Structures are given as C-alpha cells and as structure tokens.
Amino acid sequence: IIKMYQVNIFTKLETESLTEKLSSKFGKAIFQNQKSGNVSDIVDGEMKQTNIKFDEKVAIWSNENLIYYFFTQITYNNNVEYKSNLFVLKKQKEWVDFIGGLGYQDINHSLK
C-alpha cells in the first residue's frame, strides 16, 4: 500500500502551473509559509552562510484522505534555479507528525 508519493519539478512554469492547479482544485491552501535568506554550506564542520540568496515557499492543501505538501526553493546564483517537490501523503498520524517535525508543530489542528 502506497502511503506517500513525491513529484520533483525543476522549472518556474511547472511550479506555477502546479500551484494554480492545486489552488483551483482545493481552494486556498490551509497553510502557507515563505522565508528568504542566504544558502548555508558546511565548511570544516561548521555552518557558514554563502552569498547565494534563496526564497522558500511551503503550501499545504488537504482533502478527506490526502495531504498535499508543496515545497519550492528558488536559488539566485549565477542563474535562477527552481526546485519544487510535491508530496502527496495519506492523512494519517505518522505523516501529520512528519510535517510537524519539519517545523510546523501546530499543523495537526489544520489537518483534522
């Protein structure tokens, strides 16, 4: 029994298209978060910030049985790189707890 699958996307057009389709099908995301900063790298065992900028976006949609967790990272180096992942998860405690472990501890209230 499959409890999770993942789709990887690497272009702006595909990212925007999938976001529009999810919003069209499920309405407004039950949770959205966005942050910006500098990419970190590990040098000599220590975390060091680089000069490379990034934006990250998380949006979560849900229906009766499934959770749609959509993560996008845009990196601004010599060119703009898009990395998006859509995780489709069965709405079960283990996956809700997994999302909570990603830093969204109170998400279980939204996913009932």
PDB file of N, CA and C in Angstrom:
ATOM      1  N   ILE A   1       0.854  -1.176   0.000  1.00  0.00           N
ATOM      2  CA  ILE A   1       0.000   0.000   0.000  1.00  0.00           C
ATOM      3  C   ILE A   1       0.893   1.230   0.000  1.00  0.00           C
ATOM      4  N   ILE A   2       0.674   2.104  -0.952  1.00  0.00           N
ATOM      5  CA  ILE A   2       1.433   3.350  -1.033  1.00  0.00           C
ATOM      6  C   ILE A   2       0.816   4.361  -0.077  1.00  0.00           C
ATOM      7  N   LYS A   3       1.658   4.951   0.771  1.00  0.00           N
ATOM      8  CA  LYS A   3       1.179   5.952   1.724  1.00  0.00           C
ATOM      9  C   LYS A   3       1.687   7.339   1.380  1.00  0.00           C
ATOM     10  N   MET A   4       2.659   7.418   0.439  1.00  0.00           N
ATOM     11  CA  MET A   4       3.238   8.709   0.064  1.00  0.00           C
ATOM     12  C   MET A   4       3.832   8.591  -1.317  1.00  0.00           C
ATOM     13  N   TYR A   5       3.691   9.638  -2.116  1.00  0.00           N
ATOM     14  CA  TYR A   5       4.487   9.734  -3.334  1.00  0.00           C
ATOM     15  C   TYR A   5       4.959  11.158  -3.513  1.00  0.00           C
ATOM     16  N   GLN A   6       6.001  11.291  -4.323  1.00  0.00           N
ATOM     17  CA  GLN A   6       6.694  12.566  -4.478  1.00  0.00           C
ATOM     18  C   GLN A   6       6.860  12.874  -5.954  1.00  0.00           C
ATOM     19  N   VAL A   7       6.640  14.144  -6.302  1.00  0.00           N
ATOM     20  CA  VAL A   7       6.864  14.641  -7.657  1.00  0.00           C
ATOM     21  C   VAL A   7       7.895  15.756  -7.553  1.00  0.00           C
ATOM     22  N   ASN A   8       8.958  15.673  -8.343  1.00  0.00           N
ATOM     23  CA  ASN A   8      10.007  16.699  -8.362  1.00  0.00           C
ATOM     24  C   ASN A   8       9.843  17.552  -9.614  1.00  0.00           C
ATOM     25  N   ILE A   9       9.979  18.857  -9.444  1.00  0.00           N
ATOM     26  CA  ILE A   9       9.785  19.818 -10.533  1.00  0.00           C
ATOM     27  C   ILE A   9      10.964  20.781 -10.528  1.00  0.00           C
ATOM     28  N   PHE A  10      11.429  21.162 -11.723  1.00  0.00           N
ATOM     29  CA  PHE A  10      12.638  21.985 -11.791  1.00  0.00           C
ATOM     30  C   PHE A  10      12.506  23.233 -12.662  1.00  0.00           C
ATOM     31  N   THR A  11      11.273  23.637 -13.006  1.00  0.00           N
ATOM     32  CA  THR A  11      11.117  24.848 -13.808  1.00  0.00           C
ATOM     33  C   THR A  11      10.063  25.764 -13.184  1.00  0.00           C
ATOM     34  N   LYS A  12      10.195  27.041 -13.458  1.00  0.00           N
ATOM     35  CA  LYS A  12       9.252  28.032 -12.970  1.00  0.00           C
ATOM     36  C   LYS A  12       7.854  27.775 -13.530  1.00  0.00           C
ATOM     37  N   LEU A  13       7.768  27.472 -14.822  1.00  0.00           N
ATOM     38  CA  LEU A  13       6.476  27.247 -15.469  1.00  0.00           C
ATOM     39  C   LEU A  13       5.739  26.071 -14.832  1.00  0.00           C
ATOM     40  N   GLU A  14       6.441  24.959 -14.614  1.00  0.00           N
ATOM     41  CA  GLU A  14       5.801  23.795 -14.000  1.00  0.00           C
ATOM     42  C   GLU A  14       5.389  24.088 -12.557  1.00  0.00           C
ATOM     43  N   THR A  15       6.229  24.804 -11.826  1.00  0.00           N
ATOM     44  CA  THR A  15       5.918  25.163 -10.444  1.00  0.00           C
ATOM     45  C   THR A  15       4.658  26.021 -10.380  1.00  0.00           C
ATOM     46  N   GLU A  16       4.600  27.049 -11.200  1.00  0.00           N
ATOM     47  CA  GLU A  16       3.431  27.935 -11.203  1.00  0.00           C
ATOM     48  C   GLU A  16       2.181  27.200 -11.672  1.00  0.00           C
ATOM     49  N   SER A  17       2.328  26.347 -12.676  1.00  0.00           N
ATOM     50  CA  SER A  17       1.189  25.595 -13.203  1.00  0.00           C
ATOM     51  C   SER A  17       0.619  24.653 -12.144  1.00  0.00           C
ATOM     52  N   LEU A  18       1.486  23.936 -11.441  1.00  0.00           N
ATOM     53  CA  LEU A  18       1.015  23.015 -10.418  1.00  0.00           C
ATOM     54  C   LEU A  18       0.378  23.767  -9.251  1.00  0.00           C
ATOM     55  N   THR A  19       0.950  24.885  -8.865  1.00  0.00           N
ATOM     56  CA  THR A  19       0.362  25.691  -7.793  1.00  0.00           C
ATOM     57  C   THR A  19      -1.047  26.138  -8.182  1.00  0.00           C
ATOM     58  N   GLU A  20      -1.221  26.597  -9.411  1.00  0.00           N
ATOM     59  CA  GLU A  20      -2.537  27.024  -9.890  1.00  0.00           C
ATOM     60  C   GLU A  20      -3.527  25.866  -9.903  1.00  0.00           C
ATOM     61  N   LYS A  21      -3.077  24.689 -10.329  1.00  0.00           N
ATOM     62  CA  LYS A  21      -3.971  23.524 -10.380  1.00  0.00           C
ATOM     63  C   LYS A  21      -4.393  23.087  -8.985  1.00  0.00           C
ATOM     64  N   LEU A  22      -3.455  23.081  -8.053  1.00  0.00           N
ATOM     65  CA  LEU A  22      -3.806  22.711  -6.681  1.00  0.00           C
ATOM     66  C   LEU A  22      -4.773  23.723  -6.074  1.00  0.00           C
ATOM     67  N   SER A  23      -4.533  25.005  -6.299  1.00  0.00           N
ATOM     68  CA  SER A  23      -5.428  26.049  -5.783  1.00  0.00           C
ATOM     69  C   SER A  23      -6.801  25.958  -6.420  1.00  0.00           C
ATOM     70  N   SER A  24      -6.831  25.658  -7.709  1.00  0.00           N
ATOM     71  CA  SER A  24      -8.099  25.533  -8.411  1.00  0.00           C
ATOM     72  C   SER A  24      -8.906  24.343  -7.893  1.00  0.00           C
ATOM     73  N   LYS A  25      -8.231  23.240  -7.652  1.00  0.00           N
ATOM     74  CA  LYS A  25      -8.913  22.023  -7.212  1.00  0.00           C
ATOM     75  C   LYS A  25      -9.311  22.082  -5.739  1.00  0.00           C
ATOM     76  N   PHE A  26      -8.430  22.613  -4.871  1.00  0.00           N
ATOM     77  CA  PHE A  26      -8.654  22.549  -3.431  1.00  0.00           C
ATOM     78  C   PHE A  26      -8.929  23.896  -2.767  1.00  0.00           C
ATOM     79  N   GLY A  27      -8.861  24.974  -3.537  1.00  0.00           N
ATOM     80  CA  GLY A  27      -9.081  26.296  -2.957  1.00  0.00           C
ATOM     81  C   GLY A  27      -7.815  26.808  -2.289  1.00  0.00           C
ATOM     82  N   LYS A  28      -7.997  27.743  -1.395  1.00  0.00           N
ATOM     83  CA  LYS A  28      -6.860  28.340  -0.696  1.00  0.00           C
ATOM     84  C   LYS A  28      -6.159  27.282   0.161  1.00  0.00           C
ATOM     85  N   ALA A  29      -4.840  27.314   0.170  1.00  0.00           N
ATOM     86  CA  ALA A  29      -4.074  26.384   0.998  1.00  0.00           C
ATOM     87  C   ALA A  29      -4.442  26.580   2.467  1.00  0.00           C
ATOM     88  N   ILE A  30      -4.465  25.479   3.227  1.00  0.00           N
ATOM     89  CA  ILE A  30      -4.789  25.591   4.660  1.00  0.00           C
ATOM     90  C   ILE A  30      -3.611  26.155   5.439  1.00  0.00           C
ATOM     91  N   PHE A  31      -2.431  26.111   4.825  1.00  0.00           N
ATOM     92  CA  PHE A  31      -1.239  26.643   5.462  1.00  0.00           C
ATOM     93  C   PHE A  31      -0.294  27.134   4.386  1.00  0.00           C
ATOM     94  N   GLN A  32       0.311  28.301   4.601  1.00  0.00           N
ATOM     95  CA  GLN A  32       1.324  28.836   3.692  1.00  0.00           C
ATOM     96  C   GLN A  32       2.421  29.485   4.523  1.00  0.00           C
ATOM     97  N   ASN A  33       3.649  29.336   4.063  1.00  0.00           N
ATOM     98  CA  ASN A  33       4.784  29.956   4.738  1.00  0.00           C
ATOM     99  C   ASN A  33       5.806  30.345   3.678  1.00  0.00           C
ATOM    100  N   GLN A  34       6.477  31.441   3.900  1.00  0.00           N
ATOM    101  CA  GLN A  34       7.511  31.884   2.973  1.00  0.00           C
ATOM    102  C   GLN A  34       8.659  32.474   3.770  1.00  0.00           C
ATOM    103  N   LYS A  35       9.879  32.126   3.363  1.00  0.00           N
ATOM    104  CA  LYS A  35      11.045  32.739   4.003  1.00  0.00           C
ATOM    105  C   LYS A  35      12.139  32.949   2.973  1.00  0.00           C
ATOM    106  N   SER A  36      13.009  33.887   3.274  1.00  0.00           N
ATOM    107  CA  SER A  36      14.131  34.224   2.401  1.00  0.00           C
ATOM    108  C   SER A  36      15.391  34.266   3.240  1.00  0.00           C
ATOM    109  N   GLY A  37      16.515  34.094   2.580  1.00  0.00           N
ATOM    110  CA  GLY A  37      17.779  34.164   3.303  1.00  0.00           C
ATOM    111  C   GLY A  37      18.945  33.847   2.404  1.00  0.00           C
ATOM    112  N   ASN A  38      20.022  33.415   3.035  1.00  0.00           N
ATOM    113  CA  ASN A  38      21.217  33.020   2.309  1.00  0.00           C
ATOM    114  C   ASN A  38      21.415  31.515   2.473  1.00  0.00           C
ATOM    115  N   VAL A  39      21.849  30.873   1.421  1.00  0.00           N
ATOM    116  CA  VAL A  39      22.153  29.448   1.459  1.00  0.00           C
ATOM    117  C   VAL A  39      23.342  29.238   2.390  1.00  0.00           C
ATOM    118  N   SER A  40      23.268  28.214   3.215  1.00  0.00           N
ATOM    119  CA  SER A  40      24.376  27.859   4.098  1.00  0.00           C
ATOM    120  C   SER A  40      25.126  26.677   3.509  1.00  0.00           C
ATOM    121  N   ASP A  41      26.381  26.588   3.859  1.00  0.00           N
ATOM    122  CA  ASP A  41      27.235  25.487   3.432  1.00  0.00           C
ATOM    123  C   ASP A  41      28.008  25.017   4.661  1.00  0.00           C
ATOM    124  N   ILE A  42      28.446  23.788   4.643  1.00  0.00           N
ATOM    125  CA  ILE A  42      29.253  23.279   5.751  1.00  0.00           C
ATOM    126  C   ILE A  42      30.714  23.328   5.331  1.00  0.00           C
ATOM    127  N   VAL A  43      31.510  24.092   6.082  1.00  0.00           N
ATOM    128  CA  VAL A  43      32.944  24.236   5.825  1.00  0.00           C
ATOM    129  C   VAL A  43      33.677  23.890   7.117  1.00  0.00           C
ATOM    130  N   ASP A  44      34.549  22.910   7.032  1.00  0.00           N
ATOM    131  CA  ASP A  44      35.320  22.472   8.209  1.00  0.00           C
ATOM    132  C   ASP A  44      34.410  22.150   9.397  1.00  0.00           C
ATOM    133  N   GLY A  45      33.294  21.508   9.106  1.00  0.00           N
ATOM    134  CA  GLY A  45      32.386  21.090  10.168  1.00  0.00           C
ATOM    135  C   GLY A  45      31.511  22.187  10.738  1.00  0.00           C
ATOM    136  N   GLU A  46      31.553  23.369  10.168  1.00  0.00           N
ATOM    137  CA  GLU A  46      30.739  24.489  10.660  1.00  0.00           C
ATOM    138  C   GLU A  46      29.831  25.013   9.562  1.00  0.00           C
ATOM    139  N   MET A  47      28.637  25.464   9.984  1.00  0.00           N
ATOM    140  CA  MET A  47      27.702  26.075   9.039  1.00  0.00           C
ATOM    141  C   MET A  47      28.150  27.501   8.752  1.00  0.00           C
ATOM    142  N   LYS A  48      28.288  27.822   7.475  1.00  0.00           N
ATOM    143  CA  LYS A  48      28.676  29.173   7.050  1.00  0.00           C
ATOM    144  C   LYS A  48      27.691  29.640   5.983  1.00  0.00           C
ATOM    145  N   GLN A  49      27.249  30.877   6.124  1.00  0.00           N
ATOM    146  CA  GLN A  49      26.362  31.437   5.106  1.00  0.00           C
ATOM    147  C   GLN A  49      27.177  31.807   3.872  1.00  0.00           C
ATOM    148  N   THR A  50      26.572  31.584   2.720  1.00  0.00           N
ATOM    149  CA  THR A  50      27.188  31.982   1.461  1.00  0.00           C
ATOM    150  C   THR A  50      26.549  33.292   1.009  1.00  0.00           C
ATOM    151  N   ASN A  51      26.960  33.794  -0.129  1.00  0.00           N
ATOM    152  CA  ASN A  51      26.359  34.993  -0.719  1.00  0.00           C
ATOM    153  C   ASN A  51      25.178  34.655  -1.618  1.00  0.00           C
ATOM    154  N   ILE A  52      24.859  33.378  -1.722  1.00  0.00           N
ATOM    155  CA  ILE A  52      23.762  32.933  -2.587  1.00  0.00           C
ATOM    156  C   ILE A  52      22.438  33.130  -1.850  1.00  0.00           C
ATOM    157  N   LYS A  53      21.520  33.857  -2.461  1.00  0.00           N
ATOM    158  CA  LYS A  53      20.205  34.140  -1.872  1.00  0.00           C
ATOM    159  C   LYS A  53      19.207  33.043  -2.244  1.00  0.00           C
ATOM    160  N   PHE A  54      18.188  32.868  -1.399  1.00  0.00           N
ATOM    161  CA  PHE A  54      17.119  31.922  -1.710  1.00  0.00           C
ATOM    162  C   PHE A  54      15.792  32.431  -1.184  1.00  0.00           C
ATOM    163  N   ASP A  55      14.726  31.931  -1.794  1.00  0.00           N
ATOM    164  CA  ASP A  55      13.359  32.071  -1.299  1.00  0.00           C
ATOM    165  C   ASP A  55      12.791  30.673  -1.165  1.00  0.00           C
ATOM    166  N   GLU A  56      12.076  30.410  -0.091  1.00  0.00           N
ATOM    167  CA  GLU A  56      11.398  29.137   0.096  1.00  0.00           C
ATOM    168  C   GLU A  56       9.926  29.392   0.328  1.00  0.00           C
ATOM    169  N   LYS A  57       9.102  28.544  -0.260  1.00  0.00           N
ATOM    170  CA  LYS A  57       7.661  28.638  -0.077  1.00  0.00           C
ATOM    171  C   LYS A  57       7.123  27.252   0.252  1.00  0.00           C
ATOM    172  N   VAL A  58       6.219  27.198   1.213  1.00  0.00           N
ATOM    173  CA  VAL A  58       5.528  25.966   1.559  1.00  0.00           C
ATOM    174  C   VAL A  58       4.034  26.256   1.505  1.00  0.00           C
ATOM    175  N   ALA A  59       3.305  25.361   0.870  1.00  0.00           N
ATOM    176  CA  ALA A  59       1.847  25.447   0.859  1.00  0.00           C
ATOM    177  C   ALA A  59       1.311  24.039   1.108  1.00  0.00           C
ATOM    178  N   ILE A  60       0.267  23.955   1.925  1.00  0.00           N
ATOM    179  CA  ILE A  60      -0.335  22.667   2.239  1.00  0.00           C
ATOM    180  C   ILE A  60      -1.824  22.738   1.965  1.00  0.00           C
ATOM    181  N   TRP A  61      -2.288  21.775   1.181  1.00  0.00           N
ATOM    182  CA  TRP A  61      -3.708  21.594   0.921  1.00  0.00           C
ATOM    183  C   TRP A  61      -4.101  20.243   1.492  1.00  0.00           C
ATOM    184  N   SER A  62      -5.398  20.053   1.716  1.00  0.00           N
ATOM    185  CA  SER A  62      -5.861  18.798   2.285  1.00  0.00           C
ATOM    186  C   SER A  62      -7.279  18.525   1.826  1.00  0.00           C
ATOM    187  N   ASN A  63      -7.588  17.249   1.659  1.00  0.00           N
ATOM    188  CA  ASN A  63      -8.974  16.844   1.473  1.00  0.00           C
ATOM    189  C   ASN A  63      -9.271  15.764   2.509  1.00  0.00           C
ATOM    190  N   GLU A  64     -10.294  14.959   2.318  1.00  0.00           N
ATOM    191  CA  GLU A  64     -10.683  13.992   3.345  1.00  0.00           C
ATOM    192  C   GLU A  64      -9.586  12.978   3.656  1.00  0.00           C
ATOM    193  N   ASN A  65      -8.845  12.519   2.626  1.00  0.00           N
ATOM    194  CA  ASN A  65      -7.916  11.411   2.818  1.00  0.00           C
ATOM    195  C   ASN A  65      -6.450  11.750   2.576  1.00  0.00           C
ATOM    196  N   LEU A  66      -6.174  12.870   1.921  1.00  0.00           N
ATOM    197  CA  LEU A  66      -4.814  13.148   1.482  1.00  0.00           C
ATOM    198  C   LEU A  66      -4.344  14.536   1.910  1.00  0.00           C
ATOM    199  N   ILE A  67      -3.021  14.644   2.062  1.00  0.00           N
ATOM    200  CA  ILE A  67      -2.357  15.911   2.334  1.00  0.00           C
ATOM    201  C   ILE A  67      -1.456  16.202   1.143  1.00  0.00           C
ATOM    202  N   TYR A  68      -1.488  17.426   0.646  1.00  0.00           N
ATOM    203  CA  TYR A  68      -0.633  17.858  -0.458  1.00  0.00           C
ATOM    204  C   TYR A  68       0.333  18.895   0.097  1.00  0.00           C
ATOM    205  N   TYR A  69       1.592  18.496   0.245  1.00  0.00           N
ATOM    206  CA  TYR A  69       2.634  19.354   0.817  1.00  0.00           C
ATOM    207  C   TYR A  69       3.528  19.794  -0.336  1.00  0.00           C
ATOM    208  N   PHE A  70       3.496  21.091  -0.663  1.00  0.00           N
ATOM    209  CA  PHE A  70       4.223  21.611  -1.818  1.00  0.00           C
ATOM    210  C   PHE A  70       5.312  22.558  -1.335  1.00  0.00           C
ATOM    211  N   PHE A  71       6.554  22.191  -1.605  1.00  0.00           N
ATOM    212  CA  PHE A  71       7.725  22.943  -1.175  1.00  0.00           C
ATOM    213  C   PHE A  71       8.455  23.453  -2.411  1.00  0.00           C
ATOM    214  N   THR A  72       8.778  24.737  -2.429  1.00  0.00           N
ATOM    215  CA  THR A  72       9.534  25.330  -3.537  1.00  0.00           C
ATOM    216  C   THR A  72      10.705  26.113  -2.982  1.00  0.00           C
ATOM    217  N   GLN A  73      11.875  25.900  -3.576  1.00  0.00           N
ATOM    218  CA  GLN A  73      13.048  26.709  -3.247  1.00  0.00           C
ATOM    219  C   GLN A  73      13.559  27.331  -4.536  1.00  0.00           C
ATOM    220  N   ILE A  74      13.708  28.642  -4.503  1.00  0.00           N
ATOM    221  CA  ILE A  74      14.261  29.383  -5.635  1.00  0.00           C
ATOM    222  C   ILE A  74      15.611  29.917  -5.182  1.00  0.00           C
ATOM    223  N   THR A  75      16.666  29.553  -5.914  1.00  0.00           N
ATOM    224  CA  THR A  75      18.018  29.959  -5.570  1.00  0.00           C
ATOM    225  C   THR A  75      18.511  30.943  -6.612  1.00  0.00           C
ATOM    226  N   TYR A  76      19.082  32.052  -6.144  1.00  0.00           N
ATOM    227  CA  TYR A  76      19.562  33.110  -7.021  1.00  0.00           C
ATOM    228  C   TYR A  76      21.088  33.102  -7.005  1.00  0.00           C
ATOM    229  N   ASN A  77      21.683  32.321  -7.882  1.00  0.00           N
ATOM    230  CA  ASN A  77      23.132  32.264  -8.004  1.00  0.00           C
ATOM    231  C   ASN A  77      23.479  32.937  -9.322  1.00  0.00           C
ATOM    232  N   ASN A  78      24.265  32.321 -10.164  1.00  0.00           N
ATOM    233  CA  ASN A  78      24.547  32.899 -11.485  1.00  0.00           C
ATOM    234  C   ASN A  78      23.295  32.912 -12.356  1.00  0.00           C
ATOM    235  N   ASN A  79      22.408  31.971 -12.104  1.00  0.00           N
ATOM    236  CA  ASN A  79      21.099  31.956 -12.753  1.00  0.00           C
ATOM    237  C   ASN A  79      20.068  31.568 -11.689  1.00  0.00           C
ATOM    238  N   VAL A  80      18.815  31.695 -12.011  1.00  0.00           N
ATOM    239  CA  VAL A  80      17.744  31.378 -11.066  1.00  0.00           C
ATOM    240  C   VAL A  80      17.403  29.898 -11.222  1.00  0.00           C
ATOM    241  N   GLU A  81      17.431  29.168 -10.111  1.00  0.00           N
ATOM    242  CA  GLU A  81      17.126  27.744 -10.133  1.00  0.00           C
ATOM    243  C   GLU A  81      15.879  27.469  -9.306  1.00  0.00           C
ATOM    244  N   TYR A  82      14.960  26.700  -9.881  1.00  0.00           N
ATOM    245  CA  TYR A  82      13.744  26.294  -9.196  1.00  0.00           C
ATOM    246  C   TYR A  82      13.862  24.822  -8.824  1.00  0.00           C
ATOM    247  N   LYS A  83      13.521  24.511  -7.585  1.00  0.00           N
ATOM    248  CA  LYS A  83      13.417  23.129  -7.122  1.00  0.00           C
ATOM    249  C   LYS A  83      12.122  23.036  -6.348  1.00  0.00           C
ATOM    250  N   SER A  84      11.200  22.264  -6.846  1.00  0.00           N
ATOM    251  CA  SER A  84       9.922  22.104  -6.170  1.00  0.00           C
ATOM    252  C   SER A  84       9.654  20.624  -5.953  1.00  0.00           C
ATOM    253  N   ASN A  85       9.017  20.337  -4.833  1.00  0.00           N
ATOM    254  CA  ASN A  85       8.632  18.973  -4.518  1.00  0.00           C
ATOM    255  C   ASN A  85       7.189  18.987  -4.045  1.00  0.00           C
ATOM    256  N   LEU A  86       6.388  18.136  -4.645  1.00  0.00           N
ATOM    257  CA  LEU A  86       5.030  17.909  -4.173  1.00  0.00           C
ATOM    258  C   LEU A  86       5.009  16.535  -3.526  1.00  0.00           C
ATOM    259  N   PHE A  87       4.662  16.508  -2.247  1.00  0.00           N
ATOM    260  CA  PHE A  87       4.489  15.256  -1.530  1.00  0.00           C
ATOM    261  C   PHE A  87       2.998  15.056  -1.334  1.00  0.00           C
ATOM    262  N   VAL A  88       2.495  13.920  -1.754  1.00  0.00           N
ATOM    263  CA  VAL A  88       1.099  13.563  -1.527  1.00  0.00           C
ATOM    264  C   VAL A  88       1.126  12.444  -0.493  1.00  0.00           C
ATOM    265  N   LEU A  89       0.514  12.736   0.656  1.00  0.00           N
ATOM    266  CA  LEU A  89       0.599  11.843   1.809  1.00  0.00           C
ATOM    267  C   LEU A  89      -0.791  11.410   2.239  1.00  0.00           C
ATOM    268  N   LYS A  90      -0.920  10.149   2.672  1.00  0.00           N
ATOM    269  CA  LYS A  90      -2.176   9.740   3.287  1.00  0.00           C
ATOM    270  C   LYS A  90      -2.352  10.533   4.572  1.00  0.00           C
ATOM    271  N   LYS A  91      -3.572  10.943   4.838  1.00  0.00           N
ATOM    272  CA  LYS A  91      -3.833  11.723   6.046  1.00  0.00           C
ATOM    273  C   LYS A  91      -3.874  10.764   7.239  1.00  0.00           C
ATOM    274  N   GLN A  92      -2.673  10.485   7.739  1.00  0.00           N
ATOM    275  CA  GLN A  92      -2.511   9.603   8.892  1.00  0.00           C
ATOM    276  C   GLN A  92      -1.593  10.301   9.887  1.00  0.00           C
ATOM    277  N   LYS A  93      -1.689   9.870  11.133  1.00  0.00           N
ATOM    278  CA  LYS A  93      -0.932  10.498  12.204  1.00  0.00           C
ATOM    279  C   LYS A  93       0.560  10.553  11.899  1.00  0.00           C
ATOM    280  N   GLU A  94       1.131   9.490  11.349  1.00  0.00           N
ATOM    281  CA  GLU A  94       2.572   9.461  11.087  1.00  0.00           C
ATOM    282  C   GLU A  94       2.996  10.563  10.111  1.00  0.00           C
ATOM    283  N   TRP A  95       2.173  10.875   9.108  1.00  0.00           N
ATOM    284  CA  TRP A  95       2.528  11.913   8.136  1.00  0.00           C
ATOM    285  C   TRP A  95       2.257  13.300   8.686  1.00  0.00           C
ATOM    286  N   VAL A  96       1.195  13.444   9.468  1.00  0.00           N
ATOM    287  CA  VAL A  96       0.936  14.737  10.121  1.00  0.00           C
ATOM    288  C   VAL A  96       2.077  15.047  11.083  1.00  0.00           C
ATOM    289  N   ASP A  97       2.531  14.037  11.844  1.00  0.00           N
ATOM    290  CA  ASP A  97       3.661  14.219  12.747  1.00  0.00           C
ATOM    291  C   ASP A  97       4.948  14.531  11.980  1.00  0.00           C
ATOM    292  N   PHE A  98       5.118  13.908  10.816  1.00  0.00           N
ATOM    293  CA  PHE A  98       6.288  14.173   9.971  1.00  0.00           C
ATOM    294  C   PHE A  98       6.323  15.645   9.563  1.00  0.00           C
ATOM    295  N   ILE A  99       5.193  16.171   9.111  1.00  0.00           N
ATOM    296  CA  ILE A  99       5.122  17.586   8.725  1.00  0.00           C
ATOM    297  C   ILE A  99       5.384  18.467   9.945  1.00  0.00           C
ATOM    298  N   GLY A 100       4.839  18.083  11.096  1.00  0.00           N
ATOM    299  CA  GLY A 100       5.108  18.818  12.331  1.00  0.00           C
ATOM    300  C   GLY A 100       6.594  18.859  12.642  1.00  0.00           C
ATOM    301  N   GLY A 101       7.294  17.763  12.354  1.00  0.00           N
ATOM    302  CA  GLY A 101       8.730  17.688  12.593  1.00  0.00           C
ATOM    303  C   GLY A 101       9.542  18.574  11.672  1.00  0.00           C
ATOM    304  N   LEU A 102       8.935  19.026  10.589  1.00  0.00           N
ATOM    305  CA  LEU A 102       9.611  19.940   9.665  1.00  0.00           C
ATOM    306  C   LEU A 102       9.553  21.382  10.157  1.00  0.00           C
ATOM    307  N   GLY A 103       8.950  21.580  11.323  1.00  0.00           N
ATOM    308  CA  GLY A 103       8.891  22.922  11.895  1.00  0.00           C
ATOM    309  C   GLY A 103       7.491  23.490  11.967  1.00  0.00           C
ATOM    310  N   TYR A 104       6.489  22.697  11.622  1.00  0.00           N
ATOM    311  CA  TYR A 104       5.097  23.158  11.633  1.00  0.00           C
ATOM    312  C   TYR A 104       4.331  22.356  12.682  1.00  0.00           C
ATOM    313  N   GLN A 105       4.724  22.531  13.954  1.00  0.00           N
ATOM    314  CA  GLN A 105       4.218  21.708  15.052  1.00  0.00           C
ATOM    315  C   GLN A 105       2.706  21.778  15.220  1.00  0.00           C
ATOM    316  N   ASP A 106       2.100  22.892  14.908  1.00  0.00           N
ATOM    317  CA  ASP A 106       0.668  23.054  15.124  1.00  0.00           C
ATOM    318  C   ASP A 106      -0.177  22.716  13.904  1.00  0.00           C
ATOM    319  N   ILE A 107       0.432  22.109  12.904  1.00  0.00           N
ATOM    320  CA  ILE A 107      -0.297  21.808  11.663  1.00  0.00           C
ATOM    321  C   ILE A 107      -1.409  20.790  11.898  1.00  0.00           C
ATOM    322  N   ASN A 108      -1.282  19.944  12.927  1.00  0.00           N
ATOM    323  CA  ASN A 108      -2.294  18.915  13.158  1.00  0.00           C
ATOM    324  C   ASN A 108      -3.672  19.521  13.387  1.00  0.00           C
ATOM    325  N   HIS A 109      -3.766  20.740  13.911  1.00  0.00           N
ATOM    326  CA  HIS A 109      -5.054  21.406  14.097  1.00  0.00           C
ATOM    327  C   HIS A 109      -5.712  21.716  12.753  1.00  0.00           C
ATOM    328  N   SER A 110      -4.905  22.045  11.761  1.00  0.00           N
ATOM    329  CA  SER A 110      -5.429  22.386  10.440  1.00  0.00           C
ATOM    330  C   SER A 110      -5.767  21.158   9.613  1.00  0.00           C
ATOM    331  N   LEU A 111      -5.198  20.022   9.968  1.00  0.00           N
ATOM    332  CA  LEU A 111      -5.362  18.818   9.144  1.00  0.00           C
ATOM    333  C   LEU A 111      -6.419  17.853   9.691  1.00  0.00           C
ATOM    334  N   LYS A 112      -7.238  18.298  10.621  1.00  0.00           N
ATOM    335  CA  LYS A 112      -8.292  17.416  11.164  1.00  0.00           C
ATOM    336  C   LYS A 112      -9.430  17.305  10.205  1.00  0.00           C
TER     337      LYS A 112
END
